[in-house]
Amino acid sequence: MEMQPGQMAYDRASTVFSPDGRLFQVEYALQAIQMGGTAVAVTYDGGIVFVAFRNLPVSSLAEAGSIEKSFAIDAGLGCVTAGLIADSRVLVEFLRVEAQRHRLTYGEAGPYTLLAHALGTLLQQYTQFGGTRPFAVSLLLGGFIGGVPGLVELDPSGATIGWKAYAIGRNRRAVADYLEEKVPEHLTEEAAFKLAVQAVAEGSPTPFAAEALDVAILEPEAELRRLAPTEVARRVQGLPFIGAPERRSGGR
């Protein structure tokens, strides 16, 4: 992000608006998310597919599978994240606690829209008070209402928007445009999987290995099912973006 004249006076804290109404610390958090991998969620008839690109560790001794981008929240609830992994874990833990609080209080799983608004409120609070910084994370939270799948996107500002398919992270706009063009009215699980993987490939400047993909499938009343690396490799076999493992440093 290019520094503009006079910007330095307004980017010291997340609580100070610039004269044109911008919160630079929130914009910096969004820029940090753009440095992470692309993450995509696509709803299909009966479920949701989450696919995220994860930067592989530099060392060959590291376990690529230990870098998680998709997370189970509760039965029929899950999310995928883009940005700082450490920040992601804090927000995922908040969602899990809220989901269990709702289940204990009402005896049922919490609606994903309700949890999204609770998390959006938390994110927004971190833009109001001094001594804090916005979370450098965007999430796609998925769930079901009456068996119908849905998604809510959350960003560091606390804004919440519902989607049937969307992308966060690197090259988000280009990937979202690709999804808008390609998503049909109805999808099977396999078609949604291929579309999500192809969308992630749209956000990557170079070919990548199958092990760089974190893939999970969410179905009603079931825990998020993360696909094993061997199954992911089998499903994407022969696709043109699959290349040699590209190992990078960083925790995004």
Protein backbone atom coordinates (compact mmCIF):
# COMPACT_ATOMS: atom_id res chain seq x y z
CA MET A 1 0.00 0.00 0.00
CA GLU A 2 1.54 3.30 -1.11
CA MET A 3 1.85 5.93 1.62
CA GLN A 4 -0.16 9.04 0.76
CA PRO A 5 0.70 12.61 1.87
CA GLY A 6 -0.68 13.25 5.34
CA GLN A 7 -1.42 9.59 5.94
CA MET A 8 1.21 9.25 8.69
CA ALA A 9 -0.86 11.51 10.93
CA TYR A 10 -3.80 9.11 10.87
CA ASP A 11 -2.32 5.61 10.78
CA ARG A 12 -0.92 5.47 14.32
CA ALA A 13 -4.04 3.98 15.89
CA SER A 14 -7.11 2.10 14.71
CA THR A 15 -9.36 4.64 16.43
CA VAL A 16 -8.41 7.67 14.30
CA PHE A 17 -10.29 8.44 11.10
CA SER A 18 -8.52 10.23 8.27
CA PRO A 19 -10.24 13.33 6.85
CA ASP A 20 -11.68 11.20 4.03
CA GLY A 21 -13.18 8.70 6.48
CA ARG A 22 -10.63 5.87 6.30
CA LEU A 23 -9.25 3.67 9.08
CA PHE A 24 -5.74 2.92 7.88
CA GLN A 25 -5.07 0.18 10.44
CA VAL A 26 -8.04 -1.78 9.08
CA GLU A 27 -6.72 -1.29 5.54
CA TYR A 28 -3.29 -2.51 6.64
CA ALA A 29 -4.92 -5.63 8.09
CA LEU A 30 -6.65 -6.24 4.77
CA GLN A 31 -3.30 -5.83 3.03
CA ALA A 32 -1.75 -8.43 5.35
CA ILE A 33 -4.53 -10.85 4.39
CA GLN A 34 -3.69 -10.32 0.72
CA MET A 35 -0.18 -11.65 1.46
CA GLY A 36 -1.63 -14.98 2.58
CA GLY A 37 -2.96 -17.78 0.42
CA THR A 38 -6.28 -17.78 -1.39
CA ALA A 39 -9.23 -19.49 0.30
CA VAL A 40 -12.50 -20.39 -1.41
CA ALA A 41 -15.85 -21.75 -0.26
CA VAL A 42 -18.51 -23.04 -2.65
CA THR A 43 -21.98 -24.23 -1.66
CA TYR A 44 -23.53 -27.18 -3.47
CA ASP A 45 -26.80 -29.08 -3.20
CA GLY A 46 -26.45 -30.47 0.32
CA GLY A 47 -23.13 -29.10 1.53
CA ILE A 48 -20.17 -26.75 1.34
CA VAL A 49 -16.66 -27.27 -0.01
CA PHE A 50 -13.79 -25.31 1.54
CA VAL A 51 -10.46 -25.13 -0.32
CA ALA A 52 -7.49 -23.05 0.82
CA PHE A 53 -3.95 -22.62 -0.44
CA ARG A 54 -1.36 -22.87 2.33
CA ASN A 55 2.24 -21.74 1.99
CA LEU A 56 4.37 -24.84 2.48
CA PRO A 57 7.14 -24.75 5.10
CA VAL A 58 10.69 -24.12 3.94
CA SER A 59 12.06 -27.19 5.71
CA SER A 60 11.37 -30.64 4.30
CA LEU A 61 11.21 -31.83 7.93
CA ALA A 62 8.02 -29.85 8.59
CA GLU A 63 4.58 -31.43 8.31
CA ALA A 64 2.59 -29.51 5.69
CA GLY A 65 -0.65 -30.89 7.15
CA SER A 66 -0.01 -29.10 10.44
CA ILE A 67 -0.81 -25.78 8.73
CA GLU A 68 -4.59 -25.61 9.06
CA LYS A 69 -6.75 -23.18 7.12
CA SER A 70 -10.14 -24.91 7.58
CA PHE A 71 -11.68 -25.42 11.02
CA ALA A 72 -14.61 -27.30 12.53
CA ILE A 73 -16.85 -25.17 14.76
CA ASP A 74 -19.74 -27.49 15.64
CA ALA A 75 -21.92 -30.05 13.89
CA GLY A 76 -22.90 -28.47 10.59
CA LEU A 77 -20.66 -25.45 11.20
CA GLY A 78 -17.20 -24.78 9.79
CA CYS A 79 -15.00 -22.07 8.33
CA VAL A 80 -11.97 -21.37 6.20
CA THR A 81 -9.57 -18.51 6.89
CA ALA A 82 -7.02 -16.34 5.10
CA GLY A 83 -4.41 -14.21 6.84
CA LEU A 84 -2.38 -14.71 9.99
CA ILE A 85 -2.88 -18.26 11.28
CA ALA A 86 -2.29 -17.21 14.90
CA ASP A 87 -5.09 -14.64 14.65
CA SER A 88 -7.30 -17.26 12.99
CA ARG A 89 -7.04 -19.61 15.97
CA VAL A 90 -8.24 -16.90 18.35
CA LEU A 91 -11.32 -16.19 16.25
CA VAL A 92 -12.06 -19.88 15.69
CA GLU A 93 -11.92 -20.47 19.44
CA PHE A 94 -14.39 -17.61 19.93
CA LEU A 95 -16.77 -19.20 17.42
CA ARG A 96 -16.49 -22.60 19.11
CA VAL A 97 -17.28 -21.14 22.53
CA GLU A 98 -20.24 -19.20 21.14
CA ALA A 99 -21.53 -22.32 19.40
CA GLN A 100 -21.34 -24.38 22.59
CA ARG A 101 -22.96 -21.61 24.62
CA HIS A 102 -25.88 -21.56 22.19
CA ARG A 103 -26.16 -25.36 22.25
CA LEU A 104 -26.19 -25.49 26.06
CA THR A 105 -28.74 -22.68 26.28
CA TYR A 106 -31.16 -23.72 23.53
CA GLY A 107 -30.36 -27.41 22.99
CA GLU A 108 -29.57 -26.96 19.31
CA ALA A 109 -26.72 -25.90 17.05
CA GLY A 110 -26.32 -22.16 16.73
CA PRO A 111 -27.36 -20.66 13.37
CA TYR A 112 -24.28 -19.71 11.37
CA THR A 113 -25.74 -16.24 10.72
CA LEU A 114 -26.07 -15.60 14.46
CA LEU A 115 -22.49 -16.72 15.12
CA ALA A 116 -21.26 -14.57 12.24
CA HIS A 117 -22.86 -11.47 13.69
CA ALA A 118 -21.40 -12.23 17.14
CA LEU A 119 -17.94 -12.56 15.62
CA GLY A 120 -18.48 -9.45 13.52
CA THR A 121 -19.22 -7.50 16.70
CA LEU A 122 -15.96 -8.74 18.25
CA LEU A 123 -13.97 -7.79 15.14
CA GLN A 124 -15.56 -4.35 15.05
CA GLN A 125 -14.69 -3.72 18.71
CA TYR A 126 -11.01 -4.13 17.87
CA THR A 127 -11.30 -1.08 15.61
CA GLN A 128 -12.73 1.14 18.37
CA PHE A 129 -10.31 0.99 21.30
CA GLY A 130 -6.73 2.13 21.70
CA GLY A 131 -4.06 -0.40 22.58
CA THR A 132 -5.45 -3.05 20.23
CA ARG A 133 -5.05 -3.83 16.55
CA PRO A 134 -7.54 -5.31 14.08
CA PHE A 135 -7.30 -9.04 13.45
CA ALA A 136 -5.42 -9.71 10.21
CA VAL A 137 -7.89 -12.42 9.19
CA SER A 138 -10.82 -12.87 6.86
CA LEU A 139 -13.17 -15.82 7.30
CA LEU A 140 -15.79 -17.64 5.31
CA LEU A 141 -18.16 -19.17 7.86
CA GLY A 142 -20.49 -21.87 6.58
CA GLY A 143 -23.56 -23.58 7.96
CA PHE A 144 -27.12 -24.64 7.25
CA ILE A 145 -30.61 -23.31 7.85
CA GLY A 146 -33.32 -25.86 7.13
CA GLY A 147 -30.73 -28.02 5.37
CA VAL A 148 -29.86 -25.22 2.94
CA PRO A 149 -26.15 -24.32 2.94
CA GLY A 150 -24.95 -20.75 3.23
CA LEU A 151 -21.82 -18.68 3.76
CA VAL A 152 -20.98 -15.45 5.55
CA GLU A 153 -17.78 -13.52 4.87
CA LEU A 154 -16.17 -11.56 7.70
CA ASP A 155 -13.25 -9.15 7.40
CA PRO A 156 -11.17 -7.13 9.93
CA SER A 157 -13.69 -4.29 9.94
CA GLY A 158 -16.39 -6.62 11.30
CA ALA A 159 -18.54 -6.38 8.17
CA THR A 160 -20.64 -9.49 7.40
CA ILE A 161 -21.89 -10.41 3.91
CA GLY A 162 -23.71 -13.56 2.81
CA TRP A 163 -22.65 -15.52 -0.28
CA LYS A 164 -23.31 -18.78 -2.12
CA ALA A 165 -19.64 -18.92 -3.15
CA TYR A 166 -16.78 -16.53 -2.45
CA ALA A 167 -13.03 -16.09 -2.09
CA ILE A 168 -10.75 -14.40 0.45
CA GLY A 169 -6.99 -13.86 0.60
CA ARG A 170 -4.60 -13.37 -2.31
CA ASN A 171 -6.13 -12.06 -5.54
CA ARG A 172 -9.56 -12.16 -3.92
CA ARG A 173 -11.27 -9.94 -6.47
CA ALA A 174 -10.03 -11.88 -9.50
CA VAL A 175 -11.01 -15.20 -7.92
CA ALA A 176 -14.43 -13.88 -6.89
CA ASP A 177 -15.01 -12.67 -10.46
CA TYR A 178 -14.07 -16.15 -11.70
CA LEU A 179 -16.57 -17.76 -9.32
CA GLU A 180 -19.31 -15.32 -10.30
CA GLU A 181 -18.82 -16.31 -13.92
CA LYS A 182 -18.59 -20.07 -13.35
CA VAL A 183 -20.98 -20.96 -10.49
CA PRO A 184 -24.18 -22.54 -11.86
CA GLU A 185 -27.54 -22.76 -10.12
CA HIS A 186 -26.97 -26.33 -8.91
CA LEU A 187 -23.77 -28.22 -8.13
CA THR A 188 -22.82 -31.71 -7.01
CA GLU A 189 -20.10 -32.19 -4.41
CA GLU A 190 -17.57 -33.26 -7.05
CA ALA A 191 -18.39 -30.31 -9.30
CA ALA A 192 -18.15 -27.89 -6.37
CA PHE A 193 -14.79 -29.40 -5.39
CA LYS A 194 -13.35 -28.97 -8.89
CA LEU A 195 -14.69 -25.44 -9.18
CA ALA A 196 -13.23 -24.45 -5.80
CA VAL A 197 -9.83 -25.92 -6.66
CA GLN A 198 -9.82 -24.20 -10.05
CA ALA A 199 -10.73 -20.92 -8.34
CA VAL A 200 -7.81 -21.26 -5.92
CA ALA A 201 -5.55 -21.93 -8.90
CA GLU A 202 -6.82 -18.66 -10.44
CA GLY A 203 -5.42 -16.85 -7.39
CA SER A 204 -1.99 -18.48 -7.59
CA PRO A 205 0.70 -16.92 -9.82
CA THR A 206 2.51 -20.28 -10.22
CA PRO A 207 1.63 -23.99 -10.32
CA PHE A 208 1.53 -25.66 -6.92
CA ALA A 209 1.57 -29.12 -5.41
CA ALA A 210 -1.52 -30.96 -4.22
CA GLU A 211 -0.16 -30.92 -0.67
CA ALA A 212 -0.49 -27.12 -0.70
CA LEU A 213 -4.30 -27.50 -0.66
CA ASP A 214 -6.30 -27.69 2.55
CA VAL A 215 -9.66 -29.18 1.56
CA ALA A 216 -12.68 -29.77 3.78
CA ILE A 217 -16.33 -30.68 3.21
CA LEU A 218 -19.22 -29.65 5.45
CA GLU A 219 -22.59 -31.43 5.51
CA PRO A 220 -25.70 -30.88 7.67
CA GLU A 221 -25.52 -32.22 11.24
CA ALA A 222 -21.99 -33.53 10.66
CA GLU A 223 -18.52 -32.44 11.72
CA LEU A 224 -16.35 -30.75 9.15
CA ARG A 225 -14.52 -33.46 7.18
CA ARG A 226 -11.00 -32.57 6.16
CA LEU A 227 -9.73 -34.59 3.21
CA ALA A 228 -6.48 -36.47 3.66
CA PRO A 229 -3.57 -35.36 1.43
CA THR A 230 -3.73 -38.68 -0.46
CA GLU A 231 -7.41 -38.15 -1.28
CA VAL A 232 -6.80 -34.56 -2.38
CA ALA A 233 -3.93 -35.72 -4.61
CA ARG A 234 -6.17 -38.40 -6.15
CA ARG A 235 -9.00 -35.96 -6.85
CA VAL A 236 -6.79 -33.32 -8.49
CA GLN A 237 -4.64 -35.77 -10.44
CA GLY A 238 -4.01 -34.53 -13.98
CA LEU A 239 -5.09 -30.94 -13.39
CA PRO A 240 -2.63 -28.51 -15.04
CA PHE A 241 -1.77 -26.41 -11.99
CA ILE A 242 -0.28 -29.32 -10.07
CA GLY A 243 3.50 -28.96 -9.99
CA ALA A 244 6.51 -29.55 -7.78
CA PRO A 245 6.11 -28.53 -4.10
CA GLU A 246 6.91 -24.86 -3.66
CA ARG A 247 8.06 -24.39 -0.07
CA ARG A 248 7.90 -20.94 1.41
CA SER A 249 8.39 -19.38 4.80
CA GLY A 250 5.76 -17.54 6.79
CA GLY A 251 2.71 -18.28 8.92
CA ARG A 252 -0.05 -17.17 6.60
